[in-house]
Protein backbone atom coordinates (compact mmCIF):
# COMPACT_ATOMS: atom_id res chain seq x y z
CA MET A 1 3.79 -28.63 22.39
CA ASP A 2 0.87 -28.80 24.58
CA LYS A 3 -1.20 -25.63 25.45
CA GLU A 4 0.75 -24.92 28.71
CA ALA A 5 4.04 -24.71 27.30
CA LEU A 6 2.72 -22.85 24.39
CA LYS A 7 1.79 -20.35 26.76
CA ILE A 8 5.02 -20.03 28.81
CA GLU A 9 7.01 -19.98 25.77
CA LEU A 10 4.60 -17.05 24.24
CA ILE A 11 4.75 -15.08 27.95
CA GLN A 12 9.18 -15.51 27.98
CA LYS A 13 9.09 -14.10 24.33
CA ILE A 14 6.41 -11.12 25.38
CA ILE A 15 8.55 -10.25 28.26
CA ALA A 16 12.03 -10.50 26.80
CA CYS A 17 10.63 -8.27 23.57
CA ASN A 18 12.07 -4.92 23.56
CA ASP A 19 10.30 -3.84 20.47
CA ILE A 20 7.35 -1.78 21.13
CA ALA A 21 5.72 -1.58 17.72
CA LEU A 22 5.55 -5.77 18.16
CA LEU A 23 3.79 -5.67 21.41
CA LYS A 24 1.34 -2.92 20.47
CA GLN A 25 0.80 -5.66 17.55
CA VAL A 26 0.36 -8.16 20.46
CA GLU A 27 -1.91 -5.75 22.30
CA GLU A 28 -4.12 -5.32 18.95
CA LEU A 29 -4.37 -9.20 18.43
CA LEU A 30 -5.55 -10.01 22.33
CA GLN A 31 -8.05 -6.86 22.31
CA GLY A 32 -10.92 -8.80 21.72
CA VAL A 33 -10.12 -11.96 23.66
CA ASN A 34 -11.15 -12.40 27.10
CA ALA A 35 -8.92 -13.85 29.27
CA HIS A 36 -9.96 -16.27 32.29
CA GLU A 37 -7.80 -17.57 35.19
CA PRO A 38 -9.64 -21.09 36.72
CA GLY A 39 -12.42 -19.64 38.76
CA GLU A 40 -12.24 -16.25 37.98
CA GLU A 41 -13.37 -13.99 34.87
CA TYR A 42 -11.92 -10.20 33.90
CA GLU A 43 -11.19 -8.83 30.78
CA LEU A 44 -7.80 -7.44 29.48
CA THR A 45 -7.60 -3.66 29.72
CA THR A 46 -5.17 -1.68 27.54
CA THR A 47 -2.66 0.49 28.99
CA ASN A 48 -2.74 4.42 27.91
CA SER A 49 -1.13 5.17 24.43
CA VAL A 50 1.94 6.24 24.54
CA VAL A 51 0.88 8.96 21.78
CA PRO A 52 -0.80 12.15 23.42
CA ASP A 53 -4.31 13.30 22.64
CA ARG A 54 -2.91 16.38 21.35
CA ILE A 55 -1.17 14.38 18.54
CA TYR A 56 -4.33 12.79 17.43
CA GLU A 57 -6.12 16.20 17.85
CA GLN A 58 -3.39 18.13 15.57
CA LEU A 59 -3.29 15.08 12.97
CA GLU A 60 -7.42 15.36 12.93
CA LYS A 61 -6.98 19.02 11.96
CA ASP A 62 -4.63 18.68 9.69
CA PHE A 63 -6.84 15.91 7.79
CA ILE A 64 -9.61 18.06 7.65
CA ALA A 65 -6.97 21.00 6.18
CA TYR A 66 -5.83 18.62 3.94
CA GLN A 67 -9.66 17.37 2.61
CA ASN A 68 -10.49 21.34 2.43
CA GLU A 69 -7.11 21.81 0.09
CA GLU A 70 -5.69 24.35 2.40
CA ILE A 71 -2.77 22.49 3.07
CA GLN A 72 -0.81 20.22 0.53
CA SER A 73 0.73 16.74 0.99
CA GLU A 74 4.05 15.49 -0.23
CA GLU A 75 4.99 12.11 -2.57
CA TRP A 76 6.58 9.64 -0.04
CA GLU A 77 9.36 9.34 -2.61
CA LYS A 78 10.01 13.22 -1.93
CA VAL A 79 9.66 13.23 1.67
CA GLU A 80 11.96 9.97 1.89
CA HIS A 81 14.66 11.69 0.03
CA GLU A 82 14.52 14.75 2.04
CA LEU A 83 14.93 12.63 5.22
CA LYS A 84 18.06 10.76 4.21
CA GLU A 85 19.55 14.02 2.91
CA LYS A 86 19.07 15.65 5.99
CA TYR A 87 19.10 12.84 8.48
CA GLY A 88 20.79 10.17 6.85
CA LEU A 89 17.57 7.74 7.52
């Protein structure tokens, strides 16, 4: 397969993809890549995060509280069990 055909195939797969996690992985993979069109130069820009800043702020506060032993963590197995019981996940 030649380079141009591979590009087209990859673009088609990206367009058809509905898996946000996979698309985010592709975005991360391409973060450091400078894309160039013939005769034109530009850099890929990222889209705004789907996670609001307030969530990151809360995670940071919780992490600091955890480090200061103000809150306790739960083992994943216990959390997973509770999720299965409560939500059937």
